[in-house]
Amino acid sequence: MTQLTPPQDCRDMDALRAEIDALDGRLIALLTTRAEYIDRAIALKQINGWPARIPERVEDVVTKVRNTAGAGGLDPDLAETLWRQLIDWSIAREARVIRET
């Protein structure tokens, strides 16, 4: 994985956009990996007879994301909004496999 150029070192919009595009590619790769972990969670939940949605776990994940975002300088509300959508998508995907409604 190549090193990104720091934003302040991008000399023009083309260079800046290229870095954003590269970063977007990394984010997609990370989200793909996260989805693979969700696939494993589906299998483990089926083995254990657990439901797709475990509310306590959802709130634990959101709390951790908010804290990490805030500590890293990202708006915690933005992070929570993004993660709740990601979590909802993941749970819906799990539920389809686990055959919940």
PDB file of N, CA and C in Angstrom:
ATOM      1  N   MET A   1       0.852  -1.167   0.000  1.00  0.00           N
ATOM      2  CA  MET A   1       0.000   0.000   0.000  1.00  0.00           C
ATOM      3  C   MET A   1       0.907   1.242   0.000  1.00  0.00           C
ATOM      4  N   THR A   2       0.676   2.104  -0.954  1.00  0.00           N
ATOM      5  CA  THR A   2       1.505   3.306  -1.045  1.00  0.00           C
ATOM      6  C   THR A   2       1.057   4.342  -0.033  1.00  0.00           C
ATOM      7  N   GLN A   3       1.999   5.163   0.342  1.00  0.00           N
ATOM      8  CA  GLN A   3       1.742   6.236   1.309  1.00  0.00           C
ATOM      9  C   GLN A   3       0.959   7.356   0.636  1.00  0.00           C
ATOM     10  N   LEU A   4      -0.028   7.877   1.319  1.00  0.00           N
ATOM     11  CA  LEU A   4      -0.772   9.024   0.808  1.00  0.00           C
ATOM     12  C   LEU A   4       0.048  10.297   0.994  1.00  0.00           C
ATOM     13  N   THR A   5      -0.138  11.219   0.083  1.00  0.00           N
ATOM     14  CA  THR A   5       0.467  12.540   0.222  1.00  0.00           C
ATOM     15  C   THR A   5      -0.377  13.334   1.216  1.00  0.00           C
ATOM     16  N   PRO A   6       0.220  13.946   2.219  1.00  0.00           N
ATOM     17  CA  PRO A   6      -0.564  14.752   3.165  1.00  0.00           C
ATOM     18  C   PRO A   6      -1.329  15.857   2.426  1.00  0.00           C
ATOM     19  N   PRO A   7      -2.529  16.179   2.883  1.00  0.00           N
ATOM     20  CA  PRO A   7      -3.342  17.183   2.190  1.00  0.00           C
ATOM     21  C   PRO A   7      -2.601  18.497   1.935  1.00  0.00           C
ATOM     22  N   GLN A   8      -1.839  18.956   2.917  1.00  0.00           N
ATOM     23  CA  GLN A   8      -1.152  20.238   2.769  1.00  0.00           C
ATOM     24  C   GLN A   8      -0.050  20.190   1.705  1.00  0.00           C
ATOM     25  N   ASP A   9       0.367  18.988   1.301  1.00  0.00           N
ATOM     26  CA  ASP A   9       1.396  18.856   0.272  1.00  0.00           C
ATOM     27  C   ASP A   9       0.834  18.694  -1.136  1.00  0.00           C
ATOM     28  N   CYS A  10      -0.481  18.617  -1.259  1.00  0.00           N
ATOM     29  CA  CYS A  10      -1.105  18.529  -2.586  1.00  0.00           C
ATOM     30  C   CYS A  10      -1.072  19.909  -3.212  1.00  0.00           C
ATOM     31  N   ARG A  11      -0.440  20.028  -4.357  1.00  0.00           N
ATOM     32  CA  ARG A  11      -0.199  21.328  -4.987  1.00  0.00           C
ATOM     33  C   ARG A  11      -1.379  21.871  -5.780  1.00  0.00           C
ATOM     34  N   ASP A  12      -2.290  20.985  -6.197  1.00  0.00           N
ATOM     35  CA  ASP A  12      -3.432  21.446  -6.991  1.00  0.00           C
ATOM     36  C   ASP A  12      -4.606  20.490  -6.787  1.00  0.00           C
ATOM     37  N   MET A  13      -5.734  20.836  -7.360  1.00  0.00           N
ATOM     38  CA  MET A  13      -6.946  20.033  -7.174  1.00  0.00           C
ATOM     39  C   MET A  13      -6.802  18.647  -7.788  1.00  0.00           C
ATOM     40  N   ASP A  14      -6.099  18.516  -8.897  1.00  0.00           N
ATOM     41  CA  ASP A  14      -5.920  17.194  -9.492  1.00  0.00           C
ATOM     42  C   ASP A  14      -5.167  16.269  -8.540  1.00  0.00           C
ATOM     43  N   ALA A  15      -4.119  16.776  -7.928  1.00  0.00           N
ATOM     44  CA  ALA A  15      -3.351  15.977  -6.973  1.00  0.00           C
ATOM     45  C   ALA A  15      -4.197  15.640  -5.750  1.00  0.00           C
ATOM     46  N   LEU A  16      -4.943  16.621  -5.268  1.00  0.00           N
ATOM     47  CA  LEU A  16      -5.800  16.399  -4.111  1.00  0.00           C
ATOM     48  C   LEU A  16      -6.873  15.356  -4.416  1.00  0.00           C
ATOM     49  N   ARG A  17      -7.489  15.471  -5.582  1.00  0.00           N
ATOM     50  CA  ARG A  17      -8.532  14.509  -5.969  1.00  0.00           C
ATOM     51  C   ARG A  17      -7.966  13.109  -6.135  1.00  0.00           C
ATOM     52  N   ALA A  18      -6.762  13.012  -6.651  1.00  0.00           N
ATOM     53  CA  ALA A  18      -6.130  11.694  -6.795  1.00  0.00           C
ATOM     54  C   ALA A  18      -5.934  11.050  -5.422  1.00  0.00           C
ATOM     55  N   GLU A  19      -5.538  11.834  -4.447  1.00  0.00           N
ATOM     56  CA  GLU A  19      -5.350  11.306  -3.091  1.00  0.00           C
ATOM     57  C   GLU A  19      -6.683  10.901  -2.471  1.00  0.00           C
ATOM     58  N   ILE A  20      -7.713  11.703  -2.687  1.00  0.00           N
ATOM     59  CA  ILE A  20      -9.042  11.356  -2.174  1.00  0.00           C
ATOM     60  C   ILE A  20      -9.517  10.055  -2.818  1.00  0.00           C
ATOM     61  N   ASP A  21      -9.311   9.916  -4.129  1.00  0.00           N
ATOM     62  CA  ASP A  21      -9.702   8.684  -4.817  1.00  0.00           C
ATOM     63  C   ASP A  21      -8.947   7.482  -4.261  1.00  0.00           C
ATOM     64  N   ALA A  22      -7.658   7.650  -3.991  1.00  0.00           N
ATOM     65  CA  ALA A  22      -6.868   6.562  -3.418  1.00  0.00           C
ATOM     66  C   ALA A  22      -7.374   6.208  -2.020  1.00  0.00           C
ATOM     67  N   LEU A  23      -7.690   7.212  -1.245  1.00  0.00           N
ATOM     68  CA  LEU A  23      -8.223   6.989   0.093  1.00  0.00           C
ATOM     69  C   LEU A  23      -9.576   6.291   0.027  1.00  0.00           C
ATOM     70  N   ASP A  24     -10.424   6.702  -0.911  1.00  0.00           N
ATOM     71  CA  ASP A  24     -11.715   6.034  -1.091  1.00  0.00           C
ATOM     72  C   ASP A  24     -11.518   4.558  -1.404  1.00  0.00           C
ATOM     73  N   GLY A  25     -10.531   4.242  -2.222  1.00  0.00           N
ATOM     74  CA  GLY A  25     -10.240   2.844  -2.533  1.00  0.00           C
ATOM     75  C   GLY A  25      -9.860   2.058  -1.286  1.00  0.00           C
ATOM     76  N   ARG A  26      -9.070   2.673  -0.428  1.00  0.00           N
ATOM     77  CA  ARG A  26      -8.687   2.022   0.834  1.00  0.00           C
ATOM     78  C   ARG A  26      -9.897   1.814   1.737  1.00  0.00           C
ATOM     79  N   LEU A  27     -10.771   2.824   1.789  1.00  0.00           N
ATOM     80  CA  LEU A  27     -11.976   2.694   2.614  1.00  0.00           C
ATOM     81  C   LEU A  27     -12.856   1.549   2.115  1.00  0.00           C
ATOM     82  N   ILE A  28     -13.012   1.437   0.795  1.00  0.00           N
ATOM     83  CA  ILE A  28     -13.815   0.352   0.222  1.00  0.00           C
ATOM     84  C   ILE A  28     -13.195  -0.996   0.570  1.00  0.00           C
ATOM     85  N   ALA A  29     -11.879  -1.093   0.470  1.00  0.00           N
ATOM     86  CA  ALA A  29     -11.204  -2.347   0.818  1.00  0.00           C
ATOM     87  C   ALA A  29     -11.449  -2.700   2.285  1.00  0.00           C
ATOM     88  N   LEU A  30     -11.381  -1.716   3.166  1.00  0.00           N
ATOM     89  CA  LEU A  30     -11.632  -1.961   4.588  1.00  0.00           C
ATOM     90  C   LEU A  30     -13.088  -2.370   4.830  1.00  0.00           C
ATOM     91  N   LEU A  31     -14.012  -1.729   4.143  1.00  0.00           N
ATOM     92  CA  LEU A  31     -15.420  -2.095   4.301  1.00  0.00           C
ATOM     93  C   LEU A  31     -15.688  -3.504   3.770  1.00  0.00           C
ATOM     94  N   THR A  32     -15.000  -3.867   2.712  1.00  0.00           N
ATOM     95  CA  THR A  32     -15.116  -5.228   2.179  1.00  0.00           C
ATOM     96  C   THR A  32     -14.621  -6.238   3.210  1.00  0.00           C
ATOM     97  N   THR A  33     -13.502  -5.940   3.844  1.00  0.00           N
ATOM     98  CA  THR A  33     -12.979  -6.812   4.892  1.00  0.00           C
ATOM     99  C   THR A  33     -13.955  -6.888   6.063  1.00  0.00           C
ATOM    100  N   ARG A  34     -14.541  -5.749   6.422  1.00  0.00           N
ATOM    101  CA  ARG A  34     -15.518  -5.742   7.516  1.00  0.00           C
ATOM    102  C   ARG A  34     -16.695  -6.650   7.171  1.00  0.00           C
ATOM    103  N   ALA A  35     -17.150  -6.605   5.921  1.00  0.00           N
ATOM    104  CA  ALA A  35     -18.250  -7.459   5.481  1.00  0.00           C
ATOM    105  C   ALA A  35     -17.876  -8.937   5.591  1.00  0.00           C
ATOM    106  N   GLU A  36     -16.629  -9.270   5.365  1.00  0.00           N
ATOM    107  CA  GLU A  36     -16.183 -10.656   5.526  1.00  0.00           C
ATOM    108  C   GLU A  36     -16.284 -11.089   6.988  1.00  0.00           C
ATOM    109  N   TYR A  37     -15.996 -10.172   7.898  1.00  0.00           N
ATOM    110  CA  TYR A  37     -16.166 -10.483   9.324  1.00  0.00           C
ATOM    111  C   TYR A  37     -17.641 -10.644   9.671  1.00  0.00           C
ATOM    112  N   ILE A  38     -18.478  -9.857   9.028  1.00  0.00           N
ATOM    113  CA  ILE A  38     -19.924 -10.005   9.242  1.00  0.00           C
ATOM    114  C   ILE A  38     -20.383 -11.369   8.749  1.00  0.00           C
ATOM    115  N   ASP A  39     -19.826 -11.831   7.624  1.00  0.00           N
ATOM    116  CA  ASP A  39     -20.169 -13.168   7.136  1.00  0.00           C
ATOM    117  C   ASP A  39     -19.826 -14.229   8.180  1.00  0.00           C
ATOM    118  N   ARG A  40     -18.698 -14.066   8.822  1.00  0.00           N
ATOM    119  CA  ARG A  40     -18.316 -15.014   9.872  1.00  0.00           C
ATOM    120  C   ARG A  40     -19.253 -14.885  11.073  1.00  0.00           C
ATOM    121  N   ALA A  41     -19.661 -13.656  11.387  1.00  0.00           N
ATOM    122  CA  ALA A  41     -20.617 -13.459  12.483  1.00  0.00           C
ATOM    123  C   ALA A  41     -21.924 -14.177  12.187  1.00  0.00           C
ATOM    124  N   ILE A  42     -22.345 -14.160  10.935  1.00  0.00           N
ATOM    125  CA  ILE A  42     -23.573 -14.867  10.551  1.00  0.00           C
ATOM    126  C   ILE A  42     -23.448 -16.341  10.894  1.00  0.00           C
ATOM    127  N   ALA A  43     -22.348 -16.936  10.500  1.00  0.00           N
ATOM    128  CA  ALA A  43     -22.149 -18.363  10.763  1.00  0.00           C
ATOM    129  C   ALA A  43     -22.134 -18.648  12.264  1.00  0.00           C
ATOM    130  N   LEU A  44     -21.432 -17.828  13.023  1.00  0.00           N
ATOM    131  CA  LEU A  44     -21.370 -18.040  14.475  1.00  0.00           C
ATOM    132  C   LEU A  44     -22.713 -17.813  15.139  1.00  0.00           C
ATOM    133  N   LYS A  45     -23.455 -16.831  14.672  1.00  0.00           N
ATOM    134  CA  LYS A  45     -24.786 -16.587  15.243  1.00  0.00           C
ATOM    135  C   LYS A  45     -25.709 -17.760  14.952  1.00  0.00           C
ATOM    136  N   GLN A  46     -25.599 -18.322  13.761  1.00  0.00           N
ATOM    137  CA  GLN A  46     -26.430 -19.490  13.442  1.00  0.00           C
ATOM    138  C   GLN A  46     -26.086 -20.669  14.342  1.00  0.00           C
ATOM    139  N   ILE A  47     -24.807 -20.908  14.552  1.00  0.00           N
ATOM    140  CA  ILE A  47     -24.367 -22.005  15.417  1.00  0.00           C
ATOM    141  C   ILE A  47     -24.891 -21.822  16.837  1.00  0.00           C
ATOM    142  N   ASN A  48     -24.862 -20.586  17.312  1.00  0.00           N
ATOM    143  CA  ASN A  48     -25.269 -20.293  18.689  1.00  0.00           C
ATOM    144  C   ASN A  48     -26.756 -19.995  18.851  1.00  0.00           C
ATOM    145  N   GLY A  49     -27.469 -19.921  17.735  1.00  0.00           N
ATOM    146  CA  GLY A  49     -28.897 -19.622  17.805  1.00  0.00           C
ATOM    147  C   GLY A  49     -29.194 -18.183  18.184  1.00  0.00           C
ATOM    148  N   TRP A  50     -28.269 -17.281  17.852  1.00  0.00           N
ATOM    149  CA  TRP A  50     -28.429 -15.876  18.197  1.00  0.00           C
ATOM    150  C   TRP A  50     -29.146 -15.128  17.082  1.00  0.00           C
ATOM    151  N   PRO A  51     -29.854 -14.063  17.436  1.00  0.00           N
ATOM    152  CA  PRO A  51     -30.523 -13.246  16.416  1.00  0.00           C
ATOM    153  C   PRO A  51     -29.518 -12.358  15.676  1.00  0.00           C
ATOM    154  N   ALA A  52     -29.951 -11.837  14.552  1.00  0.00           N
ATOM    155  CA  ALA A  52     -29.099 -10.922  13.787  1.00  0.00           C
ATOM    156  C   ALA A  52     -28.828  -9.652  14.589  1.00  0.00           C
ATOM    157  N   ARG A  53     -29.868  -9.086  15.171  1.00  0.00           N
ATOM    158  CA  ARG A  53     -29.712  -7.835  15.929  1.00  0.00           C
ATOM    159  C   ARG A  53     -29.560  -8.136  17.414  1.00  0.00           C
ATOM    160  N   ILE A  54     -28.457  -7.676  17.957  1.00  0.00           N
ATOM    161  CA  ILE A  54     -28.227  -7.753  19.403  1.00  0.00           C
ATOM    162  C   ILE A  54     -28.049  -6.302  19.856  1.00  0.00           C
ATOM    163  N   PRO A  55     -29.131  -5.684  20.363  1.00  0.00           N
ATOM    164  CA  PRO A  55     -29.118  -4.247  20.646  1.00  0.00           C
ATOM    165  C   PRO A  55     -27.945  -3.765  21.501  1.00  0.00           C
ATOM    166  N   GLU A  56     -27.563  -4.554  22.499  1.00  0.00           N
ATOM    167  CA  GLU A  56     -26.449  -4.137  23.359  1.00  0.00           C
ATOM    168  C   GLU A  56     -25.160  -4.016  22.547  1.00  0.00           C
ATOM    169  N   ARG A  57     -24.952  -4.940  21.624  1.00  0.00           N
ATOM    170  CA  ARG A  57     -23.748  -4.906  20.786  1.00  0.00           C
ATOM    171  C   ARG A  57     -23.788  -3.702  19.852  1.00  0.00           C
ATOM    172  N   VAL A  58     -24.948  -3.413  19.294  1.00  0.00           N
ATOM    173  CA  VAL A  58     -25.078  -2.247  18.412  1.00  0.00           C
ATOM    174  C   VAL A  58     -24.655  -0.991  19.162  1.00  0.00           C
ATOM    175  N   GLU A  59     -25.177  -0.805  20.356  1.00  0.00           N
ATOM    176  CA  GLU A  59     -24.867   0.402  21.119  1.00  0.00           C
ATOM    177  C   GLU A  59     -23.401   0.427  21.549  1.00  0.00           C
ATOM    178  N   ASP A  60     -22.831  -0.736  21.835  1.00  0.00           N
ATOM    179  CA  ASP A  60     -21.415  -0.809  22.177  1.00  0.00           C
ATOM    180  C   ASP A  60     -20.554  -0.359  20.995  1.00  0.00           C
ATOM    181  N   VAL A  61     -20.884  -0.841  19.808  1.00  0.00           N
ATOM    182  CA  VAL A  61     -20.141  -0.449  18.600  1.00  0.00           C
ATOM    183  C   VAL A  61     -20.264   1.049  18.362  1.00  0.00           C
ATOM    184  N   VAL A  62     -21.473   1.578  18.466  1.00  0.00           N
ATOM    185  CA  VAL A  62     -21.689   3.010  18.230  1.00  0.00           C
ATOM    186  C   VAL A  62     -20.921   3.851  19.246  1.00  0.00           C
ATOM    187  N   THR A  63     -20.945   3.447  20.498  1.00  0.00           N
ATOM    188  CA  THR A  63     -20.199   4.187  21.527  1.00  0.00           C
ATOM    189  C   THR A  63     -18.710   4.201  21.215  1.00  0.00           C
ATOM    190  N   LYS A  64     -18.170   3.054  20.853  1.00  0.00           N
ATOM    191  CA  LYS A  64     -16.738   2.974  20.509  1.00  0.00           C
ATOM    192  C   LYS A  64     -16.410   3.843  19.299  1.00  0.00           C
ATOM    193  N   VAL A  65     -17.268   3.814  18.299  1.00  0.00           N
ATOM    194  CA  VAL A  65     -17.036   4.614  17.092  1.00  0.00           C
ATOM    195  C   VAL A  65     -17.089   6.103  17.419  1.00  0.00           C
ATOM    196  N   ARG A  66     -18.058   6.508  18.208  1.00  0.00           N
ATOM    197  CA  ARG A  66     -18.145   7.922  18.599  1.00  0.00           C
ATOM    198  C   ARG A  66     -16.888   8.357  19.350  1.00  0.00           C
ATOM    199  N   ASN A  67     -16.440   7.533  20.276  1.00  0.00           N
ATOM    200  CA  ASN A  67     -15.246   7.872  21.043  1.00  0.00           C
ATOM    201  C   ASN A  67     -14.008   7.941  20.158  1.00  0.00           C
ATOM    202  N   THR A  68     -13.861   6.974  19.274  1.00  0.00           N
ATOM    203  CA  THR A  68     -12.712   6.954  18.365  1.00  0.00           C
ATOM    204  C   THR A  68     -12.754   8.152  17.428  1.00  0.00           C
ATOM    205  N   ALA A  69     -13.928   8.464  16.917  1.00  0.00           N
ATOM    206  CA  ALA A  69     -14.064   9.614  16.012  1.00  0.00           C
ATOM    207  C   ALA A  69     -13.686  10.901  16.733  1.00  0.00           C
ATOM    208  N   GLY A  70     -14.255  11.101  17.891  1.00  0.00           N
ATOM    209  CA  GLY A  70     -13.964  12.320  18.651  1.00  0.00           C
ATOM    210  C   GLY A  70     -12.488  12.463  18.970  1.00  0.00           C
ATOM    211  N   ALA A  71     -11.861  11.355  19.379  1.00  0.00           N
ATOM    212  CA  ALA A  71     -10.434  11.392  19.704  1.00  0.00           C
ATOM    213  C   ALA A  71      -9.586  11.668  18.467  1.00  0.00           C
ATOM    214  N   GLY A  72     -10.090  11.276  17.293  1.00  0.00           N
ATOM    215  CA  GLY A  72      -9.335  11.470  16.062  1.00  0.00           C
ATOM    216  C   GLY A  72      -9.650  12.765  15.338  1.00  0.00           C
ATOM    217  N   GLY A  73     -10.565  13.552  15.885  1.00  0.00           N
ATOM    218  CA  GLY A  73     -10.885  14.831  15.274  1.00  0.00           C
ATOM    219  C   GLY A  73     -12.022  14.790  14.254  1.00  0.00           C
ATOM    220  N   LEU A  74     -12.750  13.676  14.207  1.00  0.00           N
ATOM    221  CA  LEU A  74     -13.905  13.570  13.310  1.00  0.00           C
ATOM    222  C   LEU A  74     -15.172  13.809  14.130  1.00  0.00           C
ATOM    223  N   ASP A  75     -16.131  14.474  13.546  1.00  0.00           N
ATOM    224  CA  ASP A  75     -17.403  14.743  14.218  1.00  0.00           C
ATOM    225  C   ASP A  75     -18.046  13.420  14.648  1.00  0.00           C
ATOM    226  N   PRO A  76     -18.235  13.198  15.952  1.00  0.00           N
ATOM    227  CA  PRO A  76     -18.846  11.949  16.427  1.00  0.00           C
ATOM    228  C   PRO A  76     -20.260  11.722  15.878  1.00  0.00           C
ATOM    229  N   ASP A  77     -21.014  12.801  15.658  1.00  0.00           N
ATOM    230  CA  ASP A  77     -22.362  12.643  15.105  1.00  0.00           C
ATOM    231  C   ASP A  77     -22.306  12.094  13.687  1.00  0.00           C
ATOM    232  N   LEU A  78     -21.357  12.567  12.897  1.00  0.00           N
ATOM    233  CA  LEU A  78     -21.184  12.044  11.540  1.00  0.00           C
ATOM    234  C   LEU A  78     -20.810  10.573  11.598  1.00  0.00           C
ATOM    235  N   ALA A  79     -19.843  10.237  12.442  1.00  0.00           N
ATOM    236  CA  ALA A  79     -19.416   8.843  12.562  1.00  0.00           C
ATOM    237  C   ALA A  79     -20.582   7.954  12.984  1.00  0.00           C
ATOM    238  N   GLU A  80     -21.358   8.417  13.951  1.00  0.00           N
ATOM    239  CA  GLU A  80     -22.505   7.614  14.403  1.00  0.00           C
ATOM    240  C   GLU A  80     -23.499   7.405  13.276  1.00  0.00           C
ATOM    241  N   THR A  81     -23.806   8.451  12.532  1.00  0.00           N
ATOM    242  CA  THR A  81     -24.751   8.325  11.420  1.00  0.00           C
ATOM    243  C   THR A  81     -24.262   7.306  10.397  1.00  0.00           C
ATOM    244  N   LEU A  82     -22.996   7.404  10.035  1.00  0.00           N
ATOM    245  CA  LEU A  82     -22.436   6.468   9.059  1.00  0.00           C
ATOM    246  C   LEU A  82     -22.456   5.042   9.585  1.00  0.00           C
ATOM    247  N   TRP A  83     -22.053   4.870  10.840  1.00  0.00           N
ATOM    248  CA  TRP A  83     -21.971   3.523  11.393  1.00  0.00           C
ATOM    249  C   TRP A  83     -23.338   2.914  11.627  1.00  0.00           C
ATOM    250  N   ARG A  84     -24.308   3.716  12.033  1.00  0.00           N
ATOM    251  CA  ARG A  84     -25.654   3.147  12.205  1.00  0.00           C
ATOM    252  C   ARG A  84     -26.188   2.639  10.868  1.00  0.00           C
ATOM    253  N   GLN A  85     -25.892   3.351   9.791  1.00  0.00           N
ATOM    254  CA  GLN A  85     -26.322   2.875   8.479  1.00  0.00           C
ATOM    255  C   GLN A  85     -25.572   1.586   8.119  1.00  0.00           C
ATOM    256  N   LEU A  86     -24.279   1.560   8.383  1.00  0.00           N
ATOM    257  CA  LEU A  86     -23.484   0.362   8.118  1.00  0.00           C
ATOM    258  C   LEU A  86     -23.978  -0.818   8.959  1.00  0.00           C
ATOM    259  N   ILE A  87     -24.251  -0.562  10.218  1.00  0.00           N
ATOM    260  CA  ILE A  87     -24.751  -1.616  11.107  1.00  0.00           C
ATOM    261  C   ILE A  87     -26.108  -2.116  10.635  1.00  0.00           C
ATOM    262  N   ASP A  88     -27.009  -1.195  10.278  1.00  0.00           N
ATOM    263  CA  ASP A  88     -28.334  -1.604   9.799  1.00  0.00           C
ATOM    264  C   ASP A  88     -28.218  -2.469   8.551  1.00  0.00           C
ATOM    265  N   TRP A  89     -27.325  -2.080   7.639  1.00  0.00           N
ATOM    266  CA  TRP A  89     -27.102  -2.875   6.426  1.00  0.00           C
ATOM    267  C   TRP A  89     -26.584  -4.254   6.788  1.00  0.00           C
ATOM    268  N   SER A  90     -25.635  -4.300   7.706  1.00  0.00           N
ATOM    269  CA  SER A  90     -25.040  -5.575   8.118  1.00  0.00           C
ATOM    270  C   SER A  90     -26.075  -6.479   8.774  1.00  0.00           C
ATOM    271  N   ILE A  91     -26.898  -5.912   9.638  1.00  0.00           N
ATOM    272  CA  ILE A  91     -27.918  -6.701  10.332  1.00  0.00           C
ATOM    273  C   ILE A  91     -28.962  -7.213   9.348  1.00  0.00           C
ATOM    274  N   ALA A  92     -29.364  -6.373   8.395  1.00  0.00           N
ATOM    275  CA  ALA A  92     -30.319  -6.821   7.378  1.00  0.00           C
ATOM    276  C   ALA A  92     -29.736  -7.978   6.573  1.00  0.00           C
ATOM    277  N   ARG A  93     -28.470  -7.882   6.265  1.00  0.00           N
ATOM    278  CA  ARG A  93     -27.777  -8.948   5.535  1.00  0.00           C
ATOM    279  C   ARG A  93     -27.737 -10.228   6.377  1.00  0.00           C
ATOM    280  N   GLU A  94     -27.409 -10.081   7.648  1.00  0.00           N
ATOM    281  CA  GLU A  94     -27.409 -11.232   8.550  1.00  0.00           C
ATOM    282  C   GLU A  94     -28.803 -11.850   8.632  1.00  0.00           C
ATOM    283  N   ALA A  95     -29.806 -11.000   8.795  1.00  0.00           N
ATOM    284  CA  ALA A  95     -31.174 -11.487   8.974  1.00  0.00           C
ATOM    285  C   ALA A  95     -31.662 -12.274   7.763  1.00  0.00           C
ATOM    286  N   ARG A  96     -31.262 -11.834   6.567  1.00  0.00           N
ATOM    287  CA  ARG A  96     -31.657 -12.574   5.359  1.00  0.00           C
ATOM    288  C   ARG A  96     -31.106 -14.003   5.403  1.00  0.00           C
ATOM    289  N   VAL A  97     -29.906 -14.137   5.881  1.00  0.00           N
ATOM    290  CA  VAL A  97     -29.289 -15.462   5.928  1.00  0.00           C
ATOM    291  C   VAL A  97     -29.869 -16.279   7.081  1.00  0.00           C
ATOM    292  N   ILE A  98     -30.003 -15.647   8.226  1.00  0.00           N
ATOM    293  CA  ILE A  98     -30.513 -16.326   9.406  1.00  0.00           C
ATOM    294  C   ILE A  98     -32.023 -16.574   9.267  1.00  0.00           C
ATOM    295  N   ARG A  99     -32.629 -15.898   8.295  1.00  0.00           N
ATOM    296  CA  ARG A  99     -34.053 -16.023   7.977  1.00  0.00           C
ATOM    297  C   ARG A  99     -34.961 -15.455   9.052  1.00  0.00           C
ATOM    298  N   GLU A 100     -34.570 -14.268   9.513  1.00  0.00           N
ATOM    299  CA  GLU A 100     -35.420 -13.509  10.427  1.00  0.00           C
ATOM    300  C   GLU A 100     -36.219 -12.506   9.605  1.00  0.00           C
ATOM    301  N   THR A 101     -37.263 -12.010  10.194  1.00  0.00           N
ATOM    302  CA  THR A 101     -38.027 -10.959   9.500  1.00  0.00           C
ATOM    303  C   THR A 101     -37.741  -9.638  10.156  1.00  0.00           C
TER     304      THR A 101
END
